[in-house]
């Protein structure tokens, strides 16, 4: 799976998969908040919204990103 796409860049399929998965991991931490934000904005009612859940998700996603960056 290490086919070289361009000899000058030294870009391999492994690099592309690695960068793509890292990008999805960063963006994927934000995607679940979009429907909730739209619903709160549309109804102007934050019922059911918990700051503790947000804190737990933000800490978990931050730790996940830091783990991926260090390894």
N, C-alpha and C. Protein backbone atom coordinates (compact mmCIF):
# COMPACT_ATOMS: atom_id res chain seq x y z
N UNK A 1 0.82 -1.20 0.00
CA UNK A 1 0.00 0.00 0.00
C UNK A 1 0.86 1.26 0.00
N UNK A 2 2.12 1.13 -0.29
CA UNK A 2 3.01 2.28 -0.31
C UNK A 2 3.40 2.66 -1.73
N UNK A 3 2.45 2.71 -2.63
CA UNK A 3 2.73 3.13 -3.99
C UNK A 3 3.07 4.60 -4.00
N UNK A 4 4.06 4.96 -4.75
CA UNK A 4 4.46 6.36 -4.83
C UNK A 4 3.66 7.04 -5.93
N UNK A 5 2.98 8.14 -5.56
CA UNK A 5 2.16 8.87 -6.52
C UNK A 5 3.02 9.82 -7.34
N UNK A 6 3.91 10.52 -6.68
CA UNK A 6 4.75 11.48 -7.37
C UNK A 6 6.16 11.37 -6.79
N UNK A 7 7.14 11.10 -7.65
CA UNK A 7 8.51 10.92 -7.17
C UNK A 7 9.08 12.20 -6.56
N UNK A 8 8.70 13.35 -7.08
CA UNK A 8 9.24 14.61 -6.57
C UNK A 8 8.74 14.90 -5.15
N UNK A 9 7.47 14.64 -4.91
CA UNK A 9 6.90 14.92 -3.59
C UNK A 9 7.14 13.78 -2.60
N UNK A 10 7.33 12.58 -3.11
CA UNK A 10 7.48 11.43 -2.24
C UNK A 10 6.18 11.11 -1.52
N UNK A 11 5.07 11.42 -2.16
CA UNK A 11 3.75 11.23 -1.56
C UNK A 11 3.29 9.80 -1.81
N UNK A 12 2.95 9.09 -0.74
CA UNK A 12 2.50 7.71 -0.87
C UNK A 12 1.04 7.61 -0.47
N UNK A 13 0.43 6.49 -0.78
CA UNK A 13 -0.96 6.25 -0.40
C UNK A 13 -1.09 6.25 1.12
N UNK A 14 -0.09 5.73 1.79
CA UNK A 14 -0.09 5.73 3.26
C UNK A 14 -0.15 7.14 3.83
N UNK A 15 0.59 8.06 3.21
CA UNK A 15 0.54 9.46 3.65
C UNK A 15 -0.85 10.05 3.44
N UNK A 16 -1.44 9.77 2.29
CA UNK A 16 -2.77 10.29 1.99
C UNK A 16 -3.82 9.76 2.97
N UNK A 17 -3.75 8.48 3.25
CA UNK A 17 -4.70 7.88 4.20
C UNK A 17 -4.49 8.47 5.59
N UNK A 18 -3.25 8.66 5.97
CA UNK A 18 -2.94 9.22 7.28
C UNK A 18 -3.47 10.65 7.42
N UNK A 19 -3.22 11.49 6.42
CA UNK A 19 -3.70 12.87 6.47
C UNK A 19 -5.21 12.95 6.41
N UNK A 20 -5.84 12.11 5.60
CA UNK A 20 -7.29 12.12 5.50
C UNK A 20 -7.94 11.68 6.81
N UNK A 21 -7.43 10.63 7.41
CA UNK A 21 -8.01 10.16 8.67
C UNK A 21 -7.78 11.18 9.79
N UNK A 22 -6.62 11.83 9.81
CA UNK A 22 -6.36 12.86 10.81
C UNK A 22 -7.31 14.05 10.62
N UNK A 23 -7.57 14.42 9.38
CA UNK A 23 -8.50 15.53 9.12
C UNK A 23 -9.91 15.19 9.56
N UNK A 24 -10.36 13.97 9.28
CA UNK A 24 -11.69 13.56 9.71
C UNK A 24 -11.78 13.51 11.23
N UNK A 25 -10.70 13.17 11.89
CA UNK A 25 -10.72 13.11 13.34
C UNK A 25 -10.86 14.50 13.95
N UNK A 26 -10.23 15.48 13.34
CA UNK A 26 -10.33 16.85 13.85
C UNK A 26 -11.72 17.41 13.58
N UNK A 27 -12.22 17.24 12.35
CA UNK A 27 -13.52 17.78 11.98
C UNK A 27 -14.64 16.98 12.64
N UNK A 28 -14.45 15.69 12.83
CA UNK A 28 -15.48 14.84 13.40
C UNK A 28 -15.84 15.19 14.83
N UNK A 29 -14.96 15.85 15.55
CA UNK A 29 -15.28 16.28 16.91
C UNK A 29 -16.29 17.40 16.96
N UNK A 30 -16.44 18.13 15.87
CA UNK A 30 -17.35 19.28 15.83
C UNK A 30 -18.69 18.92 15.20
N UNK A 31 -18.71 17.97 14.30
CA UNK A 31 -19.93 17.65 13.55
C UNK A 31 -21.15 17.32 14.40
N UNK A 32 -21.05 16.60 15.51
CA UNK A 32 -22.26 16.30 16.29
C UNK A 32 -22.93 17.54 16.89
N UNK A 33 -22.20 18.62 17.03
CA UNK A 33 -22.77 19.82 17.62
C UNK A 33 -23.64 20.62 16.65
N UNK A 34 -23.46 20.42 15.36
CA UNK A 34 -24.17 21.23 14.37
C UNK A 34 -25.68 21.06 14.42
N UNK A 35 -26.24 19.83 14.43
CA UNK A 35 -27.70 19.72 14.52
C UNK A 35 -28.27 20.29 15.82
N UNK A 36 -27.54 20.11 16.92
CA UNK A 36 -28.00 20.65 18.20
C UNK A 36 -28.01 22.17 18.15
N UNK A 37 -26.98 22.76 17.60
CA UNK A 37 -26.92 24.22 17.48
C UNK A 37 -28.05 24.74 16.61
N UNK A 38 -28.31 24.08 15.49
CA UNK A 38 -29.38 24.51 14.59
C UNK A 38 -30.74 24.43 15.28
N UNK A 39 -30.96 23.37 16.06
CA UNK A 39 -32.23 23.23 16.76
C UNK A 39 -32.40 24.31 17.82
N UNK A 40 -31.37 24.58 18.58
CA UNK A 40 -31.44 25.63 19.60
C UNK A 40 -31.65 26.99 18.96
N UNK A 41 -30.95 27.25 17.87
CA UNK A 41 -31.09 28.53 17.17
C UNK A 41 -32.49 28.69 16.58
N UNK A 42 -33.05 27.61 16.06
CA UNK A 42 -34.36 27.67 15.41
C UNK A 42 -35.48 27.84 16.45
N UNK A 43 -35.41 27.10 17.55
CA UNK A 43 -36.48 27.15 18.55
C UNK A 43 -36.25 28.23 19.60
N UNK A 44 -35.04 28.76 19.68
CA UNK A 44 -34.67 29.74 20.71
C UNK A 44 -34.92 29.19 22.12
N UNK A 45 -34.76 27.86 22.28
CA UNK A 45 -34.99 27.20 23.57
C UNK A 45 -33.89 26.17 23.80
N UNK A 46 -33.02 26.43 24.78
CA UNK A 46 -31.90 25.50 25.02
C UNK A 46 -32.28 24.32 25.93
N UNK A 47 -33.56 23.92 25.95
CA UNK A 47 -33.99 22.82 26.81
C UNK A 47 -33.27 21.52 26.42
N UNK A 48 -32.77 20.84 27.41
CA UNK A 48 -32.06 19.59 27.16
C UNK A 48 -30.58 19.78 26.88
N UNK A 49 -30.13 21.02 26.83
CA UNK A 49 -28.72 21.29 26.57
C UNK A 49 -27.97 21.27 27.90
N UNK A 50 -26.93 20.48 27.98
CA UNK A 50 -26.17 20.36 29.22
C UNK A 50 -24.73 20.82 29.00
N UNK A 51 -24.30 21.77 29.81
CA UNK A 51 -22.92 22.23 29.73
C UNK A 51 -21.94 21.15 30.19
N UNK A 52 -22.37 20.27 31.06
CA UNK A 52 -21.49 19.20 31.54
C UNK A 52 -21.18 18.21 30.42
N UNK A 53 -22.17 17.92 29.60
CA UNK A 53 -21.94 17.03 28.46
C UNK A 53 -20.98 17.67 27.47
N UNK A 54 -21.17 18.97 27.24
CA UNK A 54 -20.26 19.70 26.35
C UNK A 54 -18.83 19.66 26.88
N UNK A 55 -18.68 19.88 28.17
CA UNK A 55 -17.35 19.85 28.77
C UNK A 55 -16.72 18.48 28.61
N UNK A 56 -17.47 17.43 28.88
CA UNK A 56 -16.94 16.07 28.75
C UNK A 56 -16.54 15.78 27.31
N UNK A 57 -17.36 16.17 26.33
CA UNK A 57 -17.04 15.93 24.93
C UNK A 57 -15.83 16.74 24.47
N UNK A 58 -15.74 17.98 24.91
CA UNK A 58 -14.59 18.81 24.53
C UNK A 58 -13.29 18.26 25.11
N UNK A 59 -13.32 17.82 26.36
CA UNK A 59 -12.12 17.24 26.97
C UNK A 59 -11.74 15.95 26.26
N UNK A 60 -12.73 15.10 25.97
CA UNK A 60 -12.45 13.83 25.29
C UNK A 60 -11.87 14.06 23.90
N UNK A 61 -12.45 14.99 23.16
CA UNK A 61 -11.95 15.26 21.80
C UNK A 61 -10.56 15.90 21.84
N UNK A 62 -10.32 16.77 22.81
CA UNK A 62 -9.00 17.37 22.93
C UNK A 62 -7.95 16.32 23.25
N UNK A 63 -8.26 15.42 24.16
CA UNK A 63 -7.32 14.34 24.49
C UNK A 63 -7.10 13.42 23.30
N UNK A 64 -8.15 13.16 22.53
CA UNK A 64 -8.01 12.31 21.34
C UNK A 64 -7.08 12.96 20.32
N UNK A 65 -7.23 14.26 20.12
CA UNK A 65 -6.37 14.97 19.17
C UNK A 65 -4.93 14.99 19.66
N UNK A 66 -4.74 15.27 20.95
CA UNK A 66 -3.38 15.28 21.50
C UNK A 66 -2.73 13.90 21.40
N UNK A 67 -3.52 12.86 21.60
CA UNK A 67 -2.98 11.50 21.48
C UNK A 67 -2.53 11.23 20.05
N UNK A 68 -3.34 11.65 19.09
CA UNK A 68 -2.98 11.41 17.68
C UNK A 68 -1.78 12.23 17.26
N UNK A 69 -1.64 13.41 17.80
CA UNK A 69 -0.51 14.27 17.43
C UNK A 69 0.80 13.70 17.99
N UNK A 70 0.75 13.13 19.18
CA UNK A 70 1.98 12.64 19.80
C UNK A 70 2.40 11.29 19.24
N UNK A 71 1.49 10.54 18.63
CA UNK A 71 1.85 9.21 18.10
C UNK A 71 1.73 9.16 16.64
